[in-house]
C-alpha cells in the first residue's frame, strides 16, 4: 500500500530547479491547460484527450526539465477530491437501480482483466515473471473516473449508460488497488496466498464502506449546526482528504471506497442541511477546483512519456523498439477485447438464465452494449500505480520489469484514452444513440410538481387574516403562469406536439433582467449608489438569470 511518506520527493526533476523556476513552470502549465481547454470545443475533441496530447508535445520540447510526478501526489492530492466530487454528483437512486451491472463491471471485469492481461503478458514477453504479469494486469484493469466523467457527459448519450460508466469507475478503483497491492507484495516478498488475499479484499472493502457511512453520517450531523458558508465549504474541501487518509493510512481499509461512500451518502442528505447560499457557493468552488485538478492531471500524464522512455532506454536490460511497440499494441488490444467480451456476456447470460431479470430489466439492445464495451478509458490511477512500484524487493534485488510495466501502462492509457476517446463521437453517431431525455422529463415533472405544491400552499395561506391578499394574488399569478408553461414543456418532453411558448416567456424575462441590470449600473456610474449596493442587486439578478439559463438549456 502506498504510504503517506512516499509524498516526499521532487515533483519536477531536473538539475535542481529553483523554487521560482518550478512556480513559473506550474503557471505555464496552467496557462497551457486553459488554452487547450478553450481550443478543445472548437476542434470537437474532449478536453482531457487534447490535454494529454498537449502534454506529450510539451514533454519533448528541448531544454525543459524532465517531469516525473510523484505517485503519492496523484493518490493523495488528486484522487480523493476527484472521487468525492464524482460521487457527490452521482444520483444514488440511479446508482442503486444499476447496482448489478456496475458491480459486475467493477468487480468481475477488473479481476478478469487482471488475469487475462497477466496470461497474455507472461506468454508474450520472454522472462516476465508471473507475479509481475499480474501486477501489470491489476494496474491496467480499472477504468478512470475522471476520463469517464469528462468525456461521456458532453456526448449526449442515454442517461443509464452515463450512470453505469461513472458508477463502474467510482468503485473499480478499490478492486484494482487491492489486487495491485497483493501482486506487488508477491513480487517483493515472493509469497502469495489466494485465501489471505480474498479475506483481505473483503475486510478492506467492507471496512472502507463502513468508514464512509460513519463519516457521512457524522458530517451530515455536524453540518446541521453550521451556518457559515465559508466554513461549510472548507469542511467539504477537507472531507475527501481526511476520509481517504483515515481509511488508507490509519485503519488500513479502502480509502477509495470510504471516500466514494461518504460522497454518495452526503449527496443524498445534503438538501436537508445545506442552505441555498452555501449550496450555490459550494458548487462554484468545487466546479473551479475540479476543472483545475482535471486539467493538471491530464496534462501531467502527457508529460510523463519522455521520462518513461528515457528510463526505459537507460535500463541495464535494453529493449528494442519494435518489440516494445508490438507488446504495447497486443496488451492494449487485450484490455479492449476483454471488456467488449465481458460486457456482452454479462448482459446476455444473466437474462438467459433468469426470467425475472428479463421481465424487470429487458435486454437493452446491442448498440447500448457496444457503447459501454468501447468506453473503457484508462487514466491517472493506472499511471500512478505503475510509478509507485518499488525499485527493489525485500532481498535487495531489482524489481523485475519495472520500467517495462510503466511503459506498457502508459501505452494502454494512450490507446484507450486517446484512440477510444476520439472515436466515441463517431461511434455514437454510427450507432444512432442519443440522449433519451429521461433526465429532462424528470426535471420538468419535478418543476411542475413543485409549482403545483406552491399554488396549493398559497390557497391555504389565502384564508389567513394576517396574509396580504394582494401579495397572495401576485404570487398566485406568477405560479399559475409557471404551471401552464411547465405543463406545455412537460408534454413536449413526453413527445406531444405543442406550441413552445416557454422560450418566448424566458426571452422576455431575460430582456427585463437586462434592463434592470443596465438601470442599476447606470445609478452606480452616476454616483447615486455605491458598489456594495450594486453587488447585492447584481447577485439577485445573476441568480435569476442562471435559473432562466438552466430552464432554457432543457427546453
Protein backbone atom coordinates (compact mmCIF):
# COMPACT_ATOMS: atom_id res chain seq x y z
CA UNK A 1 0.00 0.00 0.00
CA UNK A 2 1.25 3.44 -0.86
CA UNK A 3 2.43 5.25 2.25
CA UNK A 4 1.87 8.88 3.03
CA UNK A 5 5.64 9.20 3.42
CA UNK A 6 6.01 8.50 -0.30
CA UNK A 7 4.79 12.03 -0.90
CA UNK A 8 8.30 13.20 -0.17
CA UNK A 9 10.43 13.69 -3.23
CA UNK A 10 10.55 16.06 -6.13
CA UNK A 11 7.58 16.71 -8.37
CA UNK A 12 9.69 18.14 -11.15
CA UNK A 13 13.08 16.60 -11.68
CA UNK A 14 16.00 18.22 -13.40
CA UNK A 15 19.25 19.85 -12.47
CA UNK A 16 17.99 21.24 -9.19
CA UNK A 17 15.43 23.79 -10.44
CA UNK A 18 14.84 26.70 -8.10
CA UNK A 19 11.51 27.34 -6.41
CA UNK A 20 10.83 30.29 -8.70
CA UNK A 21 11.51 28.11 -11.74
CA UNK A 22 9.08 25.49 -10.50
CA UNK A 23 6.42 28.14 -9.87
CA UNK A 24 6.94 29.55 -13.37
CA UNK A 25 6.63 26.05 -14.83
CA UNK A 26 3.41 25.37 -12.92
CA UNK A 27 1.95 28.70 -14.04
CA UNK A 28 3.00 27.86 -17.59
CA UNK A 29 1.19 24.53 -17.33
CA UNK A 30 -1.95 26.28 -16.05
CA UNK A 31 -1.87 28.72 -18.95
CA UNK A 32 -1.34 25.85 -21.39
CA UNK A 33 -4.22 23.97 -19.78
CA UNK A 34 -6.57 26.93 -20.19
CA UNK A 35 -5.55 27.49 -23.82
CA UNK A 36 -6.04 23.82 -24.72
CA UNK A 37 -9.39 23.72 -22.90
CA UNK A 38 -10.52 26.73 -24.96
CA UNK A 39 -9.38 25.12 -28.21
CA UNK A 40 -10.89 21.68 -27.47
CA UNK A 41 -14.58 22.59 -28.15
CA UNK A 42 -13.63 24.28 -31.42
CA UNK A 43 -11.88 21.08 -32.52
CA UNK A 44 -14.74 18.98 -31.10
CA UNK A 45 -12.26 16.98 -29.05
CA UNK A 46 -12.91 16.15 -25.37
CA UNK A 47 -10.54 18.37 -23.46
CA UNK A 48 -8.87 15.53 -21.45
CA UNK A 49 -7.61 13.99 -24.69
CA UNK A 50 -6.28 17.29 -26.02
CA UNK A 51 -4.54 17.94 -22.69
CA UNK A 52 -2.80 14.56 -22.78
CA UNK A 53 -1.65 15.16 -26.36
CA UNK A 54 -0.56 18.68 -25.47
CA UNK A 55 1.42 17.35 -22.54
CA UNK A 56 3.10 14.84 -24.83
CA UNK A 57 4.22 17.59 -27.21
CA UNK A 58 5.43 19.84 -24.38
CA UNK A 59 7.39 16.98 -22.87
CA UNK A 60 9.55 16.69 -25.98
CA UNK A 61 10.39 20.42 -26.11
CA UNK A 62 14.19 20.69 -25.82
CA UNK A 63 15.55 22.35 -22.70
CA UNK A 64 12.61 21.66 -20.41
CA UNK A 65 13.32 19.63 -17.24
CA UNK A 66 12.02 16.09 -17.08
CA UNK A 67 8.62 15.83 -15.44
CA UNK A 68 8.03 12.79 -13.25
CA UNK A 69 5.01 13.17 -11.00
CA UNK A 70 5.36 11.56 -7.63
CA UNK A 71 2.65 8.85 -7.46
CA UNK A 72 1.84 9.95 -3.92
CA UNK A 73 0.72 13.31 -5.28
CA UNK A 74 -1.75 11.62 -7.62
CA UNK A 75 -3.02 9.23 -4.94
CA UNK A 76 -3.45 11.88 -2.26
CA UNK A 77 -3.84 15.31 -3.85
CA UNK A 78 -5.81 14.33 -6.97
CA UNK A 79 -7.65 11.06 -6.34
CA UNK A 80 -9.70 11.88 -3.17
CA UNK A 81 -11.28 15.16 -4.35
CA UNK A 82 -11.98 13.82 -7.83
CA UNK A 83 -13.60 10.65 -6.45
CA UNK A 84 -15.54 12.66 -3.88
CA UNK A 85 -16.81 15.12 -6.47
CA UNK A 86 -17.86 12.35 -8.84
CA UNK A 87 -19.67 10.53 -6.02
CA UNK A 88 -21.34 13.78 -4.92
CA UNK A 89 -22.66 14.36 -8.44
CA UNK A 90 -23.82 10.74 -8.82
CA UNK A 91 -27.50 10.02 -8.30
CA UNK A 92 -27.85 7.42 -5.53
CA UNK A 93 -31.23 6.45 -6.98
CA UNK A 94 -29.72 5.71 -10.39
CA UNK A 95 -26.62 4.12 -8.87
CA UNK A 96 -28.72 1.73 -6.79
CA UNK A 97 -31.00 0.91 -9.74
CA UNK A 98 -27.95 -0.11 -11.80
CA UNK A 99 -26.03 -1.79 -8.98
CA UNK A 100 -25.96 -5.19 -10.72
CA UNK A 101 -24.20 -4.10 -13.95
CA UNK A 102 -21.97 -1.70 -12.00
CA UNK A 103 -20.88 -4.49 -9.64
CA UNK A 104 -20.23 -6.91 -12.49
CA UNK A 105 -18.02 -4.35 -14.21
CA UNK A 106 -16.29 -3.03 -11.09
CA UNK A 107 -15.56 -6.45 -9.60
CA UNK A 108 -15.87 -9.19 -12.21
CA UNK A 109 -14.37 -7.29 -15.14
CA UNK A 110 -11.46 -5.92 -13.10
CA UNK A 111 -10.48 -9.40 -11.87
CA UNK A 112 -10.95 -10.95 -15.32
CA UNK A 113 -8.86 -8.22 -16.97
CA UNK A 114 -6.13 -8.72 -14.37
CA UNK A 115 -5.94 -12.46 -15.06
CA UNK A 116 -6.18 -12.30 -18.88
CA UNK A 117 -3.62 -9.49 -19.18
CA UNK A 118 -1.29 -11.44 -16.89
CA UNK A 119 -1.60 -14.58 -19.03
CA UNK A 120 -1.02 -12.63 -22.28
CA UNK A 121 1.91 -10.62 -20.88
CA UNK A 122 3.61 -13.70 -19.41
CA UNK A 123 3.30 -15.61 -22.66
CA UNK A 124 4.21 -12.64 -24.84
CA UNK A 125 7.22 -11.16 -23.05
CA UNK A 126 10.17 -13.52 -22.56
CA UNK A 127 11.35 -13.78 -18.97
CA UNK A 128 8.48 -11.80 -17.42
CA UNK A 129 7.62 -13.44 -14.06
CA UNK A 130 4.03 -14.40 -13.33
CA UNK A 131 3.83 -12.08 -10.34
CA UNK A 132 4.95 -9.08 -12.41
CA UNK A 133 2.47 -10.01 -15.13
CA UNK A 134 -0.30 -9.92 -12.52
CA UNK A 135 0.97 -6.53 -11.33
CA UNK A 136 0.59 -5.23 -14.89
CA UNK A 137 -2.91 -6.72 -15.14
CA UNK A 138 -4.02 -5.11 -11.86
CA UNK A 139 -2.62 -1.74 -12.92
CA UNK A 140 -4.41 -1.54 -16.27
CA UNK A 141 -7.69 -3.17 -15.15
CA UNK A 142 -9.62 -0.14 -13.76
CA UNK A 143 -11.28 2.48 -15.90
CA UNK A 144 -10.65 6.11 -14.98
CA UNK A 145 -13.25 8.12 -13.07
CA UNK A 146 -12.09 11.47 -14.42
CA UNK A 147 -11.90 10.33 -18.04
CA UNK A 148 -15.30 8.63 -17.94
CA UNK A 149 -16.99 11.70 -16.49
CA UNK A 150 -15.18 14.32 -18.54
CA UNK A 151 -15.63 12.57 -21.89
CA UNK A 152 -19.10 10.99 -21.67
CA UNK A 153 -21.00 13.85 -20.01
CA UNK A 154 -20.83 16.00 -23.17
CA UNK A 155 -21.65 13.35 -25.75
CA UNK A 156 -25.46 13.25 -25.40
CA UNK A 157 -25.81 9.54 -24.67
CA UNK A 158 -28.60 7.79 -22.72
CA UNK A 159 -28.53 8.61 -19.02
CA UNK A 160 -28.33 4.96 -17.97
CA UNK A 161 -25.08 4.48 -19.88
CA UNK A 162 -23.58 7.51 -18.14
CA UNK A 163 -24.71 6.17 -14.74
CA UNK A 164 -23.19 2.72 -15.35
CA UNK A 165 -19.89 4.08 -16.66
CA UNK A 166 -19.45 6.59 -13.85
CA UNK A 167 -20.57 4.10 -11.20
CA UNK A 168 -18.15 1.49 -12.50
CA UNK A 169 -15.21 3.88 -12.49
CA UNK A 170 -16.05 5.00 -8.96
CA UNK A 171 -15.98 1.50 -7.49
CA UNK A 172 -13.47 -0.44 -9.59
CA UNK A 173 -10.52 1.56 -8.23
CA UNK A 174 -10.85 -0.25 -4.91
CA UNK A 175 -10.88 -3.70 -6.56
CA UNK A 176 -7.84 -2.97 -8.70
CA UNK A 177 -5.82 -1.38 -5.89
CA UNK A 178 -6.35 -4.39 -3.62
CA UNK A 179 -5.30 -6.77 -6.43
CA UNK A 180 -2.36 -4.47 -7.16
CA UNK A 181 -1.22 -4.46 -3.55
CA UNK A 182 -1.17 -8.27 -3.29
CA UNK A 183 0.51 -8.69 -6.67
CA UNK A 184 3.25 -6.24 -5.70
CA UNK A 185 3.66 -7.99 -2.35
CA UNK A 186 4.11 -11.30 -4.19
CA UNK A 187 6.90 -9.79 -6.31
CA UNK A 188 8.64 -8.05 -3.41
CA UNK A 189 8.42 -10.87 -0.86
CA UNK A 190 7.96 -13.89 -3.10
CA UNK A 191 4.95 -15.03 -1.01
CA UNK A 192 1.32 -15.04 -2.12
CA UNK A 193 -1.77 -16.65 -0.59
CA UNK A 194 -5.02 -16.52 -2.59
CA UNK A 195 -7.03 -17.22 0.58
CA UNK A 196 -5.39 -14.39 2.51
CA UNK A 197 -5.86 -12.08 -0.48
CA UNK A 198 -9.56 -12.91 -0.67
CA UNK A 199 -10.13 -12.37 3.04
CA UNK A 200 -8.17 -9.13 2.96
CA UNK A 201 -10.20 -7.90 -0.02
CA UNK A 202 -13.46 -8.43 1.90
CA UNK A 203 -12.09 -6.79 5.04
CA UNK A 204 -10.67 -3.80 3.18
CA UNK A 205 -13.84 -3.28 1.11
CA UNK A 206 -16.36 -3.69 3.93
CA UNK A 207 -14.19 -1.56 6.21
CA UNK A 208 -13.99 1.21 3.62
CA UNK A 209 -17.77 1.25 3.10
CA UNK A 210 -18.39 1.24 6.87
CA UNK A 211 -15.96 4.12 7.38
CA UNK A 212 -17.65 6.09 4.61
CA UNK A 213 -21.09 5.62 6.16
CA UNK A 214 -19.86 6.68 9.59
CA UNK A 215 -18.04 9.70 8.16
CA UNK A 216 -21.04 10.69 6.05
CA UNK A 217 -23.47 10.44 8.97
CA UNK A 218 -21.12 12.38 11.28
CA UNK A 219 -20.58 15.16 8.74
CA UNK A 220 -24.30 15.46 7.98
CA UNK A 221 -24.99 15.76 11.71
CA UNK A 222 -22.28 18.38 12.28
CA UNK A 223 -23.32 20.38 9.21
CA UNK A 224 -26.79 20.95 10.64
CA UNK A 225 -25.24 23.14 13.33
CA UNK A 226 -23.12 25.20 10.94
CA UNK A 227 -24.47 28.35 9.35
CA UNK A 228 -21.33 29.78 7.85
CA UNK A 229 -20.85 29.20 4.10
CA UNK A 230 -17.02 29.68 4.09
CA UNK A 231 -16.69 27.24 6.99
CA UNK A 232 -19.04 24.70 5.40
CA UNK A 233 -17.18 24.92 2.08
CA UNK A 234 -13.89 24.40 3.90
CA UNK A 235 -15.34 21.27 5.52
CA UNK A 236 -16.32 19.90 2.10
CA UNK A 237 -12.80 20.56 0.81
CA UNK A 238 -11.13 18.83 3.76
CA UNK A 239 -13.54 15.86 3.90
CA UNK A 240 -12.22 13.73 0.99
CA UNK A 241 -8.59 14.05 2.11
CA UNK A 242 -9.43 13.31 5.74
CA UNK A 243 -11.61 10.29 4.95
CA UNK A 244 -9.13 8.90 2.43
CA UNK A 245 -6.15 9.22 4.78
CA UNK A 246 -8.10 7.86 7.75
CA UNK A 247 -9.04 4.76 5.78
CA UNK A 248 -5.83 4.23 3.84
CA UNK A 249 -3.23 5.13 6.44
CA UNK A 250 -4.83 4.76 9.87
CA UNK A 251 -7.43 1.99 9.60
CA UNK A 252 -5.80 0.16 6.65
CA UNK A 253 -9.09 -0.13 4.75
CA UNK A 254 -10.04 1.09 1.29
CA UNK A 255 -9.68 4.86 1.26
CA UNK A 256 -11.23 4.86 -2.22
CA UNK A 257 -14.44 3.14 -1.11
CA UNK A 258 -14.55 5.25 2.05
CA UNK A 259 -14.35 8.48 0.03
CA UNK A 260 -16.91 7.32 -2.54
CA UNK A 261 -19.33 6.11 0.14
CA UNK A 262 -19.06 9.39 2.03
CA UNK A 263 -19.81 11.33 -1.15
CA UNK A 264 -22.80 9.14 -2.05
CA UNK A 265 -24.22 9.44 1.47
CA UNK A 266 -23.81 13.20 1.68
CA UNK A 267 -25.24 13.89 -1.76
CA UNK A 268 -28.44 12.19 -0.57
CA UNK A 269 -28.55 14.12 2.73
CA UNK A 270 -27.17 17.50 1.61
CA UNK A 271 -30.54 19.05 0.58
CA UNK A 272 -31.66 18.81 4.22
CA UNK A 273 -28.77 20.68 5.83
CA UNK A 274 -27.17 22.99 3.24
CA UNK A 275 -28.59 26.49 2.94
CA UNK A 276 -29.22 27.95 -0.51
CA UNK A 277 -26.28 30.35 -0.17
CA UNK A 278 -23.90 27.59 0.88
CA UNK A 279 -25.09 25.35 -1.92
CA UNK A 280 -24.53 27.98 -4.62
CA UNK A 281 -21.08 28.90 -3.35
CA UNK A 282 -20.04 25.28 -2.82
CA UNK A 283 -20.90 24.28 -6.37
CA UNK A 284 -18.97 27.27 -7.74
CA UNK A 285 -15.86 26.49 -5.67
CA UNK A 286 -15.89 22.78 -6.48
CA UNK A 287 -16.55 23.33 -10.18
CA UNK A 288 -13.44 25.50 -10.41
CA UNK A 289 -11.35 23.12 -8.29
CA UNK A 290 -12.31 20.05 -10.32
CA UNK A 291 -11.56 21.82 -13.59
CA UNK A 292 -8.08 22.74 -12.35
CA UNK A 293 -7.38 19.26 -10.98
CA UNK A 294 -8.64 17.54 -14.13
CA UNK A 295 -6.63 19.82 -16.37
CA UNK A 296 -3.39 19.47 -14.45
CA UNK A 297 -3.81 15.72 -14.09
CA UNK A 298 -4.28 15.06 -17.79
CA UNK A 299 -1.56 17.42 -18.95
CA UNK A 300 0.88 15.92 -16.42
CA UNK A 301 0.01 12.46 -17.74
CA UNK A 302 1.12 13.55 -21.18
CA UNK A 303 4.35 14.97 -19.78
CA UNK A 304 5.37 11.57 -18.39
CA UNK A 305 6.26 9.84 -21.66
CA UNK A 306 9.71 11.40 -22.30
CA UNK A 307 10.84 10.50 -18.77
CA UNK A 308 9.45 6.97 -19.14
CA UNK A 309 11.25 6.45 -22.45
CA UNK A 310 14.47 7.85 -21.02
CA UNK A 311 14.37 5.39 -18.12
CA UNK A 312 13.46 2.53 -20.44
CA UNK A 313 16.37 3.29 -22.75
CA UNK A 314 18.85 3.63 -19.88
CA UNK A 315 17.91 0.37 -18.14
CA UNK A 316 20.52 -2.34 -17.87
CA UNK A 317 18.23 -4.65 -19.83
CA UNK A 318 17.80 -2.85 -23.16
CA UNK A 319 14.52 -3.18 -25.05
CA UNK A 320 14.44 -2.86 -28.82
CA UNK A 321 11.81 -0.53 -30.18
CA UNK A 322 9.85 -2.84 -32.48
CA UNK A 323 9.09 -5.49 -29.81
CA UNK A 324 8.18 -2.70 -27.39
CA UNK A 325 5.59 -1.29 -29.80
CA UNK A 326 4.32 -4.78 -30.59
CA UNK A 327 3.91 -5.63 -26.91
CA UNK A 328 2.11 -2.34 -26.26
CA UNK A 329 -0.33 -2.95 -29.12
CA UNK A 330 -1.15 -6.51 -28.03
CA UNK A 331 -1.62 -5.62 -24.36
CA UNK A 332 -3.85 -2.68 -25.32
CA UNK A 333 -5.92 -4.87 -27.63
CA UNK A 334 -6.26 -7.44 -24.85
CA UNK A 335 -7.61 -4.83 -22.46
CA UNK A 336 -10.12 -3.57 -25.03
CA UNK A 337 -11.28 -7.01 -26.23
CA UNK A 338 -11.69 -8.44 -22.71
CA UNK A 339 -14.02 -5.57 -21.87
CA UNK A 340 -16.09 -6.00 -25.02
CA UNK A 341 -16.49 -9.76 -24.49
CA UNK A 342 -17.31 -9.38 -20.78
CA UNK A 343 -19.90 -6.65 -21.35
CA UNK A 344 -21.77 -8.77 -23.90
CA UNK A 345 -21.60 -11.89 -21.71
CA UNK A 346 -22.73 -10.17 -18.51
CA UNK A 347 -25.59 -8.57 -20.44
CA UNK A 348 -26.80 -11.72 -22.18
CA UNK A 349 -26.15 -14.66 -19.85
CA UNK A 350 -27.98 -13.46 -16.71
CA UNK A 351 -31.08 -12.65 -18.79
CA UNK A 352 -30.93 -16.05 -20.50
CA UNK A 353 -30.82 -17.74 -17.09
CA UNK A 354 -33.27 -15.57 -15.12
CA UNK A 355 -36.81 -14.99 -16.36
CA UNK A 356 -37.41 -12.49 -13.55
CA UNK A 357 -34.42 -10.43 -14.64
CA UNK A 358 -35.68 -10.39 -18.25
CA UNK A 359 -39.02 -9.03 -17.07
CA UNK A 360 -37.56 -6.50 -14.64
CA UNK A 361 -34.70 -5.34 -16.87
CA UNK A 362 -35.15 -6.29 -20.56
CA UNK A 363 -32.16 -6.62 -22.87
CA UNK A 364 -31.09 -3.04 -23.68
CA UNK A 365 -30.02 -3.75 -27.26
CA UNK A 366 -26.65 -4.42 -28.85
CA UNK A 367 -25.95 -0.72 -29.56
CA UNK A 368 -26.22 0.05 -25.87
CA UNK A 369 -23.84 -2.82 -25.05
CA UNK A 370 -21.29 -1.88 -27.71
CA UNK A 371 -21.02 1.67 -26.41
CA UNK A 372 -20.45 0.53 -22.81
CA UNK A 373 -17.91 -2.01 -24.03
CA UNK A 374 -15.99 0.57 -26.04
CA UNK A 375 -15.99 3.22 -23.32
CA UNK A 376 -13.23 1.83 -21.10
CA UNK A 377 -10.70 4.62 -20.84
CA UNK A 378 -7.73 4.22 -18.50
CA UNK A 379 -6.10 7.19 -16.84
CA UNK A 380 -4.16 8.70 -13.98
CA UNK A 381 -4.82 5.97 -11.40
CA UNK A 382 -3.16 3.35 -13.59
CA UNK A 383 -0.16 5.57 -14.26
CA UNK A 384 0.20 6.49 -10.59
CA UNK A 385 0.06 2.81 -9.59
CA UNK A 386 2.76 1.97 -12.13
CA UNK A 387 5.02 4.81 -10.98
CA UNK A 388 4.51 3.73 -7.36
CA UNK A 389 6.11 0.32 -7.96
CA UNK A 390 9.09 -0.24 -5.63
CA UNK A 391 12.51 -0.29 -7.21
CA UNK A 392 13.86 -3.23 -5.19
CA UNK A 393 12.50 -6.35 -3.49
CA UNK A 394 12.91 -7.28 0.18
CA UNK A 395 16.03 -9.26 -0.78
CA UNK A 396 17.60 -6.19 -2.35
CA UNK A 397 17.15 -7.36 -5.93
CA UNK A 398 15.88 -5.02 -8.65
CA UNK A 399 12.10 -5.12 -9.14
CA UNK A 400 11.88 -7.18 -12.35
CA UNK A 401 10.42 -5.43 -15.39
CA UNK A 402 9.51 -2.24 -13.54
CA UNK A 403 10.34 0.10 -16.44
CA UNK A 404 8.56 -2.19 -18.90
CA UNK A 405 5.40 -2.23 -16.77
CA UNK A 406 5.40 1.58 -16.63
CA UNK A 407 5.83 1.83 -20.39
CA UNK A 408 3.06 -0.70 -21.13
CA UNK A 409 0.74 1.07 -18.70
CA UNK A 410 1.27 4.39 -20.45
CA UNK A 411 0.68 2.70 -23.80
CA UNK A 412 -2.65 1.28 -22.62
CA UNK A 413 -3.66 4.72 -21.34
CA UNK A 414 -2.87 6.29 -24.71
CA UNK A 415 -4.67 3.57 -26.65
CA UNK A 416 -7.84 3.69 -24.53
CA UNK A 417 -7.97 7.38 -23.66
CA UNK A 418 -6.89 8.86 -26.99
CA UNK A 419 -7.88 6.24 -29.58
CA UNK A 420 -11.15 5.15 -27.98
CA UNK A 421 -11.94 8.63 -26.67
CA UNK A 422 -11.52 10.27 -30.07
CA UNK A 423 -13.63 7.60 -31.76
CA UNK A 424 -16.53 7.84 -29.30
CA UNK A 425 -18.42 10.69 -31.07
CA UNK A 426 -18.20 8.84 -34.39
CA UNK A 427 -19.27 5.58 -32.77
CA UNK A 428 -22.25 7.23 -31.05
CA UNK A 429 -23.42 8.77 -34.33
CA UNK A 430 -22.88 5.48 -36.15
CA UNK A 431 -24.88 3.55 -33.57
CA UNK A 432 -27.67 6.13 -33.68
CA UNK A 433 -27.63 6.62 -29.92
CA UNK A 434 -28.70 9.89 -28.35
CA UNK A 435 -29.85 11.31 -25.07
CA UNK A 436 -33.13 9.59 -24.24
CA UNK A 437 -34.44 12.68 -22.44
CA UNK A 438 -35.08 10.80 -19.19
CA UNK A 439 -33.31 13.42 -17.11
CA UNK A 440 -35.16 16.25 -18.85
CA UNK A 441 -38.54 14.61 -18.28
CA UNK A 442 -37.77 14.08 -14.60
CA UNK A 443 -36.71 17.70 -14.28
CA UNK A 444 -39.85 19.03 -15.95
CA UNK A 445 -42.00 16.79 -13.77
CA UNK A 446 -40.21 17.94 -10.60
CA UNK A 447 -40.53 21.62 -11.54
CA UNK A 448 -44.22 21.16 -12.33
CA UNK A 449 -44.99 19.35 -9.05
CA UNK A 450 -43.04 21.98 -7.09
CA UNK A 451 -45.03 24.81 -8.72
CA UNK A 452 -48.32 22.99 -8.08
CA UNK A 453 -47.33 22.49 -4.43
CA UNK A 454 -46.63 26.23 -4.18
CA UNK A 455 -50.09 27.03 -5.57
CA UNK A 456 -51.71 24.64 -3.10
CA UNK A 457 -49.88 26.29 -0.21
CA UNK A 458 -50.92 29.75 -1.43
CA UNK A 459 -54.56 28.61 -1.34
CA UNK A 460 -54.07 27.54 2.29
CA UNK A 461 -52.44 30.84 3.25
CA UNK A 462 -55.10 32.94 1.49
CA UNK A 463 -57.62 32.10 4.20
CA UNK A 464 -55.45 33.55 6.96
CA UNK A 465 -56.27 37.09 8.02
CA UNK A 466 -52.67 38.20 8.57
CA UNK A 467 -51.69 37.37 4.99
CA UNK A 468 -51.88 40.15 2.40
CA UNK A 469 -54.34 39.15 -0.32
CA UNK A 470 -52.53 41.41 -2.79
CA UNK A 471 -49.27 39.52 -2.22
CA UNK A 472 -51.05 36.17 -2.45
CA UNK A 473 -52.68 37.13 -5.74
CA UNK A 474 -49.38 38.33 -7.15
CA UNK A 475 -47.66 35.05 -6.27
CA UNK A 476 -50.64 33.01 -7.50
CA UNK A 477 -50.48 34.73 -10.89
CA UNK A 478 -46.74 34.02 -11.12
CA UNK A 479 -47.13 30.33 -10.28
CA UNK A 480 -50.18 29.85 -12.50
CA UNK A 481 -48.16 31.15 -15.45
CA UNK A 482 -45.30 28.88 -14.40
CA UNK A 483 -47.55 25.83 -14.16
CA UNK A 484 -49.02 26.44 -17.62
CA UNK A 485 -45.56 26.90 -19.12
CA UNK A 486 -44.13 23.81 -17.43
CA UNK A 487 -47.16 21.72 -18.38
CA UNK A 488 -46.62 22.51 -22.06
CA UNK A 489 -42.91 21.78 -21.82
CA UNK A 490 -43.55 18.52 -19.94
CA UNK A 491 -45.96 17.37 -22.66
CA UNK A 492 -43.37 18.22 -25.31
CA UNK A 493 -40.74 16.22 -23.38
CA UNK A 494 -43.21 13.30 -23.45
CA UNK A 495 -43.40 13.63 -27.23
CA UNK A 496 -46.67 15.51 -27.57
CA UNK A 497 -46.74 18.37 -30.12
CA UNK A 498 -47.39 21.85 -28.87
CA UNK A 499 -46.53 25.48 -29.29
CA UNK A 500 -43.31 26.32 -27.46
CA UNK A 501 -44.32 29.42 -25.52
CA UNK A 502 -41.81 28.75 -22.75
CA UNK A 503 -38.87 30.02 -24.78
CA UNK A 504 -40.69 33.25 -25.58
CA UNK A 505 -41.52 33.70 -21.91
CA UNK A 506 -37.88 33.15 -20.94
CA UNK A 507 -36.65 35.56 -23.60
CA UNK A 508 -38.96 38.26 -22.25
CA UNK A 509 -37.73 37.65 -18.71
CA UNK A 510 -34.10 37.91 -19.84
CA UNK A 511 -34.85 41.16 -21.62
CA UNK A 512 -36.40 42.59 -18.44
CA UNK A 513 -33.46 41.42 -16.35
CA UNK A 514 -31.04 43.12 -18.73
CA UNK A 515 -32.98 46.38 -18.45
CA UNK A 516 -32.87 46.13 -14.65
CA UNK A 517 -29.14 45.46 -14.75
CA UNK A 518 -28.45 48.41 -17.04
CA UNK A 519 -30.53 50.72 -14.83
CA UNK A 520 -28.66 49.74 -11.66
CA UNK A 521 -25.27 50.05 -13.36
CA UNK A 522 -26.31 53.50 -14.56
CA UNK A 523 -27.10 54.53 -10.99
CA UNK A 524 -23.67 53.35 -9.88
CA UNK A 525 -21.95 55.16 -12.75
CA UNK A 526 -23.74 58.41 -11.85
CA UNK A 527 -22.64 58.05 -8.24
CA UNK A 528 -26.17 57.64 -6.86
CA UNK A 529 -25.42 54.21 -5.32
CA UNK A 530 -22.15 52.59 -4.25
CA UNK A 531 -20.62 49.33 -5.48
CA UNK A 532 -21.80 47.36 -2.47
CA UNK A 533 -25.43 48.10 -3.32
CA UNK A 534 -24.73 47.23 -6.95
CA UNK A 535 -23.23 43.85 -5.97
CA UNK A 536 -26.21 42.93 -3.78
CA UNK A 537 -28.74 43.68 -6.52
CA UNK A 538 -26.49 42.17 -9.17
CA UNK A 539 -26.33 38.90 -7.24
CA UNK A 540 -30.14 38.60 -7.27
CA UNK A 541 -30.27 39.36 -10.98
CA UNK A 542 -27.47 36.85 -11.66
CA UNK A 543 -29.27 34.08 -9.77
CA UNK A 544 -32.49 34.71 -11.68
CA UNK A 545 -30.61 34.79 -14.98
CA UNK A 546 -28.89 31.50 -14.19
CA UNK A 547 -32.24 29.92 -13.35
CA UNK A 548 -33.61 31.03 -16.71
CA UNK A 549 -30.49 29.81 -18.49
CA UNK A 550 -30.88 26.40 -16.87
CA UNK A 551 -34.50 26.13 -17.94
CA UNK A 552 -33.68 27.30 -21.47
CA UNK A 553 -30.98 24.66 -21.75
CA UNK A 554 -33.56 21.97 -21.05
CA UNK A 555 -36.23 23.43 -23.30
